[in-house]
Amino acid sequence: MDSMLHNVSICQTDFISIRVQDPRLLKDDLWHTHIDYKICLETNSMCFRKKSSCVRRRYSEFVWLRHCLEQNALIMELPKLPPWNPFFSLKNTEQVAQRMKGFQEFLESVLHTTFLLSDSRLHLFLQSDLSITRMSRCALGKTKYTVAEAIQRSSSGDISGLVDKAPCDSDCESSSSSGLGLSVDTLVRGSPVLFLDS
């Protein structure tokens, strides 16, 4: 019996579990609101810096992530997101459940595509509290912190130290090494076009 238990622990396979839950309505101002969702990740995969994390993301951030992944996966068909609905209501439990299910299916499909796991923006989306702008800048090496530092600091809630660098020129240091595997972004990092202000 002991040897059987020992073999099970040695033959352990990688797993990545993702849950989309806990929708929350937030007021942006007097006239505008948005809904965000809690995304919890549990894994033993070496692809991830942290083995357990939870972040909150809104619909527009999912759209951004899909667009980023689409740029790197030109020959792959990415899963669709649930359709945007201007009349979406947190009070409509069926709409909420359908959207969360759609987000969950999207993320599960992405996480089971090995090629996509090398994109640092996916890791920042799932394991940091950074905004879209900061995730983009961090993935391009335009911040004082690396992808790994952004992820580690987000878990502790200490994102105050995550201050962006001034805009870079071609002599700028590139400190976006994530320790998460090679990102497709790093293949073109030498291009000066990446460091031009848009």
C-alpha atoms as a PDB file:
ATOM      1  CA  MET A   1       0.000   0.000   0.000  1.00  0.00           C
ATOM      2  CA  ASP A   2       2.817   2.438   0.877  1.00  0.00           C
ATOM      3  CA  SER A   3       4.600   1.751  -2.402  1.00  0.00           C
ATOM      4  CA  MET A   4       1.408   2.411  -4.342  1.00  0.00           C
ATOM      5  CA  LEU A   5       0.979   5.787  -2.624  1.00  0.00           C
ATOM      6  CA  HIS A   6       4.619   6.579  -3.279  1.00  0.00           C
ATOM      7  CA  ASN A   7       4.230   5.847  -7.001  1.00  0.00           C
ATOM      8  CA  VAL A   8       1.190   8.107  -7.226  1.00  0.00           C
ATOM      9  CA  SER A   9       3.112  11.042  -5.800  1.00  0.00           C
ATOM     10  CA  ILE A  10       6.069  10.445  -8.141  1.00  0.00           C
ATOM     11  CA  CYS A  11       3.829  10.180 -11.219  1.00  0.00           C
ATOM     12  CA  GLN A  12       1.983  13.376 -10.420  1.00  0.00           C
ATOM     13  CA  THR A  13       1.040  15.232 -13.595  1.00  0.00           C
ATOM     14  CA  ASP A  14       0.789  18.960 -14.128  1.00  0.00           C
ATOM     15  CA  PHE A  15      -2.591  20.516 -13.582  1.00  0.00           C
ATOM     16  CA  ILE A  16      -3.965  24.000 -14.067  1.00  0.00           C
ATOM     17  CA  SER A  17      -7.320  24.787 -12.504  1.00  0.00           C
ATOM     18  CA  ILE A  18      -9.067  28.069 -13.250  1.00  0.00           C
ATOM     19  CA  ARG A  19     -12.328  29.390 -11.781  1.00  0.00           C
ATOM     20  CA  VAL A  20     -14.273  32.497 -12.741  1.00  0.00           C
ATOM     21  CA  GLN A  21     -16.614  33.513  -9.937  1.00  0.00           C
ATOM     22  CA  ASP A  22     -17.953  36.267  -7.695  1.00  0.00           C
ATOM     23  CA  PRO A  23     -19.196  38.945 -10.123  1.00  0.00           C
ATOM     24  CA  ARG A  24     -19.156  42.412  -8.569  1.00  0.00           C
ATOM     25  CA  LEU A  25     -20.774  45.651  -9.763  1.00  0.00           C
ATOM     26  CA  LEU A  26     -18.533  48.721  -9.434  1.00  0.00           C
ATOM     27  CA  LYS A  27     -19.446  52.373  -9.965  1.00  0.00           C
ATOM     28  CA  ASP A  28     -16.927  54.267 -12.098  1.00  0.00           C
ATOM     29  CA  ASP A  29     -18.725  57.575 -11.681  1.00  0.00           C
ATOM     30  CA  LEU A  30     -22.254  58.923 -11.448  1.00  0.00           C
ATOM     31  CA  TRP A  31     -23.331  57.472 -14.814  1.00  0.00           C
ATOM     32  CA  HIS A  32     -21.012  54.530 -15.464  1.00  0.00           C
ATOM     33  CA  THR A  33     -20.635  51.136 -13.848  1.00  0.00           C
ATOM     34  CA  HIS A  34     -18.846  47.933 -14.736  1.00  0.00           C
ATOM     35  CA  ILE A  35     -18.778  44.347 -13.522  1.00  0.00           C
ATOM     36  CA  ASP A  36     -15.598  42.532 -12.618  1.00  0.00           C
ATOM     37  CA  TYR A  37     -15.045  38.841 -11.898  1.00  0.00           C
ATOM     38  CA  LYS A  38     -12.737  36.982  -9.568  1.00  0.00           C
ATOM     39  CA  ILE A  39     -10.353  34.651 -11.409  1.00  0.00           C
ATOM     40  CA  CYS A  40      -8.701  32.027  -9.219  1.00  0.00           C
ATOM     41  CA  LEU A  41      -5.821  29.910 -10.482  1.00  0.00           C
ATOM     42  CA  GLU A  42      -4.447  26.773  -8.806  1.00  0.00           C
ATOM     43  CA  THR A  43      -1.592  24.890 -10.445  1.00  0.00           C
ATOM     44  CA  ASN A  44       1.511  22.816  -9.958  1.00  0.00           C
ATOM     45  CA  SER A  45       2.798  23.688 -13.447  1.00  0.00           C
ATOM     46  CA  MET A  46       6.326  25.027 -13.757  1.00  0.00           C
ATOM     47  CA  CYS A  47       4.970  27.555 -16.262  1.00  0.00           C
ATOM     48  CA  PHE A  48       3.549  29.652 -13.425  1.00  0.00           C
ATOM     49  CA  ARG A  49       5.518  31.692 -10.912  1.00  0.00           C
ATOM     50  CA  LYS A  50       2.821  31.375  -8.224  1.00  0.00           C
ATOM     51  CA  LYS A  51       0.938  28.172  -7.614  1.00  0.00           C
ATOM     52  CA  SER A  52      -2.184  29.892  -6.326  1.00  0.00           C
ATOM     53  CA  SER A  53      -3.578  33.326  -7.136  1.00  0.00           C
ATOM     54  CA  CYS A  54      -6.788  35.321  -7.415  1.00  0.00           C
ATOM     55  CA  VAL A  55      -7.297  38.543  -9.352  1.00  0.00           C
ATOM     56  CA  ARG A  56     -10.303  40.550 -10.504  1.00  0.00           C
ATOM     57  CA  ARG A  57     -10.840  41.333 -14.193  1.00  0.00           C
ATOM     58  CA  ARG A  58     -13.562  42.994 -16.224  1.00  0.00           C
ATOM     59  CA  TYR A  59     -14.898  42.255 -19.707  1.00  0.00           C
ATOM     60  CA  SER A  60     -12.684  44.834 -21.472  1.00  0.00           C
ATOM     61  CA  GLU A  61      -9.584  43.213 -19.948  1.00  0.00           C
ATOM     62  CA  PHE A  62     -10.631  39.823 -21.365  1.00  0.00           C
ATOM     63  CA  VAL A  63     -11.012  41.492 -24.773  1.00  0.00           C
ATOM     64  CA  TRP A  64      -7.495  42.956 -24.419  1.00  0.00           C
ATOM     65  CA  LEU A  65      -6.038  39.558 -23.469  1.00  0.00           C
ATOM     66  CA  ARG A  66      -7.682  37.812 -26.418  1.00  0.00           C
ATOM     67  CA  HIS A  67      -6.366  40.497 -28.771  1.00  0.00           C
ATOM     68  CA  CYS A  68      -2.824  40.077 -27.380  1.00  0.00           C
ATOM     69  CA  LEU A  69      -2.934  36.303 -27.702  1.00  0.00           C
ATOM     70  CA  GLU A  70      -4.357  36.614 -31.208  1.00  0.00           C
ATOM     71  CA  GLN A  71      -1.323  38.673 -32.266  1.00  0.00           C
ATOM     72  CA  ASN A  72       1.020  35.873 -31.157  1.00  0.00           C
ATOM     73  CA  ALA A  73      -1.095  32.996 -32.417  1.00  0.00           C
ATOM     74  CA  LEU A  74      -1.564  34.060 -36.003  1.00  0.00           C
ATOM     75  CA  ILE A  75      -2.131  30.546 -37.332  1.00  0.00           C
ATOM     76  CA  MET A  76      -4.253  29.342 -34.426  1.00  0.00           C
ATOM     77  CA  GLU A  77      -7.972  29.823 -33.957  1.00  0.00           C
ATOM     78  CA  LEU A  78      -8.486  31.261 -30.484  1.00  0.00           C
ATOM     79  CA  PRO A  79     -11.635  30.529 -28.511  1.00  0.00           C
ATOM     80  CA  LYS A  80     -14.314  33.204 -28.555  1.00  0.00           C
ATOM     81  CA  LEU A  81     -15.314  35.333 -25.604  1.00  0.00           C
ATOM     82  CA  PRO A  82     -18.940  35.556 -24.554  1.00  0.00           C
ATOM     83  CA  PRO A  83     -20.623  38.254 -26.661  1.00  0.00           C
ATOM     84  CA  TRP A  84     -20.717  41.802 -25.326  1.00  0.00           C
ATOM     85  CA  ASN A  85     -24.199  42.858 -24.286  1.00  0.00           C
ATOM     86  CA  PRO A  86     -24.940  46.564 -23.670  1.00  0.00           C
ATOM     87  CA  PHE A  87     -27.973  45.526 -21.601  1.00  0.00           C
ATOM     88  CA  PHE A  88     -26.057  43.100 -19.382  1.00  0.00           C
ATOM     89  CA  SER A  89     -27.373  43.159 -15.822  1.00  0.00           C
ATOM     90  CA  LEU A  90     -25.926  41.712 -12.645  1.00  0.00           C
ATOM     91  CA  LYS A  91     -29.517  41.149 -11.524  1.00  0.00           C
ATOM     92  CA  ASN A  92     -30.104  38.742 -14.413  1.00  0.00           C
ATOM     93  CA  THR A  93     -28.595  35.560 -12.961  1.00  0.00           C
ATOM     94  CA  GLU A  94     -28.833  33.683 -16.275  1.00  0.00           C
ATOM     95  CA  GLN A  95     -26.810  36.376 -18.092  1.00  0.00           C
ATOM     96  CA  VAL A  96     -24.210  36.418 -15.307  1.00  0.00           C
ATOM     97  CA  ALA A  97     -23.892  32.615 -15.272  1.00  0.00           C
ATOM     98  CA  GLN A  98     -23.547  32.495 -19.083  1.00  0.00           C
ATOM     99  CA  ARG A  99     -20.842  35.174 -19.124  1.00  0.00           C
ATOM    100  CA  MET A 100     -18.862  33.517 -16.314  1.00  0.00           C
ATOM    101  CA  LYS A 101     -19.160  30.162 -18.113  1.00  0.00           C
ATOM    102  CA  GLY A 102     -17.913  31.788 -21.326  1.00  0.00           C
ATOM    103  CA  PHE A 103     -14.935  33.383 -19.553  1.00  0.00           C
ATOM    104  CA  GLN A 104     -14.110  30.088 -17.847  1.00  0.00           C
ATOM    105  CA  GLU A 105     -14.240  28.133 -21.125  1.00  0.00           C
ATOM    106  CA  PHE A 106     -12.075  30.770 -22.833  1.00  0.00           C
ATOM    107  CA  LEU A 107      -9.414  30.623 -20.105  1.00  0.00           C
ATOM    108  CA  GLU A 108      -9.467  26.819 -19.896  1.00  0.00           C
ATOM    109  CA  SER A 109      -8.904  26.580 -23.638  1.00  0.00           C
ATOM    110  CA  VAL A 110      -6.072  29.135 -23.539  1.00  0.00           C
ATOM    111  CA  LEU A 111      -4.391  27.401 -20.579  1.00  0.00           C
ATOM    112  CA  HIS A 112      -4.452  24.054 -22.369  1.00  0.00           C
ATOM    113  CA  THR A 113      -2.644  25.500 -25.397  1.00  0.00           C
ATOM    114  CA  THR A 114       1.052  25.113 -24.578  1.00  0.00           C
ATOM    115  CA  PHE A 115       2.195  27.758 -27.065  1.00  0.00           C
ATOM    116  CA  LEU A 116       0.063  30.439 -25.390  1.00  0.00           C
ATOM    117  CA  LEU A 117       1.540  29.723 -21.943  1.00  0.00           C
ATOM    118  CA  SER A 118       4.744  31.470 -23.024  1.00  0.00           C
ATOM    119  CA  ASP A 119       3.023  34.856 -23.377  1.00  0.00           C
ATOM    120  CA  SER A 120       3.951  37.043 -20.412  1.00  0.00           C
ATOM    121  CA  ARG A 121       0.759  39.088 -20.817  1.00  0.00           C
ATOM    122  CA  LEU A 122      -1.291  35.972 -20.024  1.00  0.00           C
ATOM    123  CA  HIS A 123       0.653  35.536 -16.780  1.00  0.00           C
ATOM    124  CA  LEU A 124       0.233  39.212 -15.863  1.00  0.00           C
ATOM    125  CA  PHE A 125      -3.506  38.995 -16.609  1.00  0.00           C
ATOM    126  CA  LEU A 126      -3.955  35.916 -14.409  1.00  0.00           C
ATOM    127  CA  GLN A 127      -1.563  36.685 -11.566  1.00  0.00           C
ATOM    128  CA  SER A 128      -1.124  40.448 -11.196  1.00  0.00           C
ATOM    129  CA  ASP A 129      -3.342  43.380 -10.315  1.00  0.00           C
ATOM    130  CA  LEU A 130      -1.853  45.582 -13.032  1.00  0.00           C
ATOM    131  CA  SER A 131      -4.016  47.599 -15.412  1.00  0.00           C
ATOM    132  CA  ILE A 132      -3.970  46.916 -19.158  1.00  0.00           C
ATOM    133  CA  THR A 133      -1.535  49.789 -19.722  1.00  0.00           C
ATOM    134  CA  ARG A 134       0.882  48.547 -17.071  1.00  0.00           C
ATOM    135  CA  MET A 135       0.638  44.932 -18.249  1.00  0.00           C
ATOM    136  CA  SER A 136       1.476  46.044 -21.796  1.00  0.00           C
ATOM    137  CA  ARG A 137       4.403  48.186 -20.671  1.00  0.00           C
ATOM    138  CA  CYS A 138       5.734  45.479 -18.369  1.00  0.00           C
ATOM    139  CA  ALA A 139       5.599  42.813 -21.101  1.00  0.00           C
ATOM    140  CA  LEU A 140       7.600  45.132 -23.380  1.00  0.00           C
ATOM    141  CA  GLY A 141      10.231  45.814 -20.711  1.00  0.00           C
ATOM    142  CA  LYS A 142       9.182  49.453 -20.278  1.00  0.00           C
ATOM    143  CA  THR A 143       8.843  49.271 -16.498  1.00  0.00           C
ATOM    144  CA  LYS A 144      11.334  49.166 -13.645  1.00  0.00           C
ATOM    145  CA  TYR A 145       9.887  45.831 -12.591  1.00  0.00           C
ATOM    146  CA  THR A 146       9.954  42.488 -14.357  1.00  0.00           C
ATOM    147  CA  VAL A 147       6.945  40.293 -15.038  1.00  0.00           C
ATOM    148  CA  ALA A 148       7.974  38.053 -12.135  1.00  0.00           C
ATOM    149  CA  GLU A 149       8.266  41.048  -9.768  1.00  0.00           C
ATOM    150  CA  ALA A 150       4.845  42.346 -10.816  1.00  0.00           C
ATOM    151  CA  ILE A 151       3.312  38.953 -10.106  1.00  0.00           C
ATOM    152  CA  GLN A 152       5.044  38.557  -6.727  1.00  0.00           C
ATOM    153  CA  ARG A 153       4.171  42.061  -5.550  1.00  0.00           C
ATOM    154  CA  SER A 154       0.548  41.743  -6.625  1.00  0.00           C
ATOM    155  CA  SER A 155       0.054  38.755  -4.346  1.00  0.00           C
ATOM    156  CA  SER A 156       1.109  40.769  -1.342  1.00  0.00           C
ATOM    157  CA  GLY A 157      -0.961  43.762  -2.387  1.00  0.00           C
ATOM    158  CA  ASP A 158       2.243  45.832  -2.621  1.00  0.00           C
ATOM    159  CA  ILE A 159       1.897  47.338  -6.065  1.00  0.00           C
ATOM    160  CA  SER A 160       2.954  50.765  -4.800  1.00  0.00           C
ATOM    161  CA  GLY A 161       6.553  49.972  -5.739  1.00  0.00           C
ATOM    162  CA  LEU A 162       5.557  49.190  -9.301  1.00  0.00           C
ATOM    163  CA  VAL A 163       6.427  52.504 -10.925  1.00  0.00           C
ATOM    164  CA  ASP A 164       6.924  52.705 -14.674  1.00  0.00           C
ATOM    165  CA  LYS A 165      10.158  53.924 -16.242  1.00  0.00           C
ATOM    166  CA  ALA A 166      10.295  57.052 -18.298  1.00  0.00           C
ATOM    167  CA  PRO A 167       9.758  56.352 -22.000  1.00  0.00           C
ATOM    168  CA  CYS A 168      12.754  54.453 -23.362  1.00  0.00           C
ATOM    169  CA  ASP A 169      14.989  55.059 -26.309  1.00  0.00           C
ATOM    170  CA  SER A 170      16.909  52.346 -28.131  1.00  0.00           C
ATOM    171  CA  ASP A 171      19.661  52.368 -25.451  1.00  0.00           C
ATOM    172  CA  CYS A 172      17.150  51.582 -22.709  1.00  0.00           C
ATOM    173  CA  GLU A 173      17.680  48.526 -20.573  1.00  0.00           C
ATOM    174  CA  SER A 174      15.184  45.763 -21.056  1.00  0.00           C
ATOM    175  CA  SER A 175      14.309  44.153 -17.739  1.00  0.00           C
ATOM    176  CA  SER A 176      11.228  42.161 -18.591  1.00  0.00           C
ATOM    177  CA  SER A 177      12.766  38.759 -18.092  1.00  0.00           C
ATOM    178  CA  SER A 178       9.952  36.899 -16.473  1.00  0.00           C
ATOM    179  CA  GLY A 179      11.399  33.539 -15.624  1.00  0.00           C
ATOM    180  CA  LEU A 180       8.150  32.228 -17.111  1.00  0.00           C
ATOM    181  CA  GLY A 181       9.572  30.983 -20.380  1.00  0.00           C
ATOM    182  CA  LEU A 182      10.289  32.787 -23.603  1.00  0.00           C
ATOM    183  CA  SER A 183       7.582  35.181 -24.655  1.00  0.00           C
ATOM    184  CA  VAL A 184       7.011  35.794 -28.325  1.00  0.00           C
ATOM    185  CA  ASP A 185       7.517  39.467 -27.430  1.00  0.00           C
ATOM    186  CA  THR A 186      11.136  38.802 -26.494  1.00  0.00           C
ATOM    187  CA  LEU A 187      11.883  37.557 -29.989  1.00  0.00           C
ATOM    188  CA  VAL A 188      11.458  41.068 -31.368  1.00  0.00           C
ATOM    189  CA  ARG A 189      12.707  43.003 -28.370  1.00  0.00           C
ATOM    190  CA  GLY A 190      15.720  44.339 -30.295  1.00  0.00           C
ATOM    191  CA  SER A 191      13.458  46.275 -32.630  1.00  0.00           C
ATOM    192  CA  PRO A 192      13.570  50.038 -31.870  1.00  0.00           C
ATOM    193  CA  VAL A 193       9.948  50.312 -33.039  1.00  0.00           C
ATOM    194  CA  LEU A 194       8.789  48.708 -29.782  1.00  0.00           C
ATOM    195  CA  PHE A 195      10.195  51.591 -27.781  1.00  0.00           C
ATOM    196  CA  LEU A 196       8.653  54.456 -29.721  1.00  0.00           C
ATOM    197  CA  ASP A 197       5.883  56.397 -28.040  1.00  0.00           C
ATOM    198  CA  SER A 198       2.550  55.958 -29.738  1.00  0.00           C
END
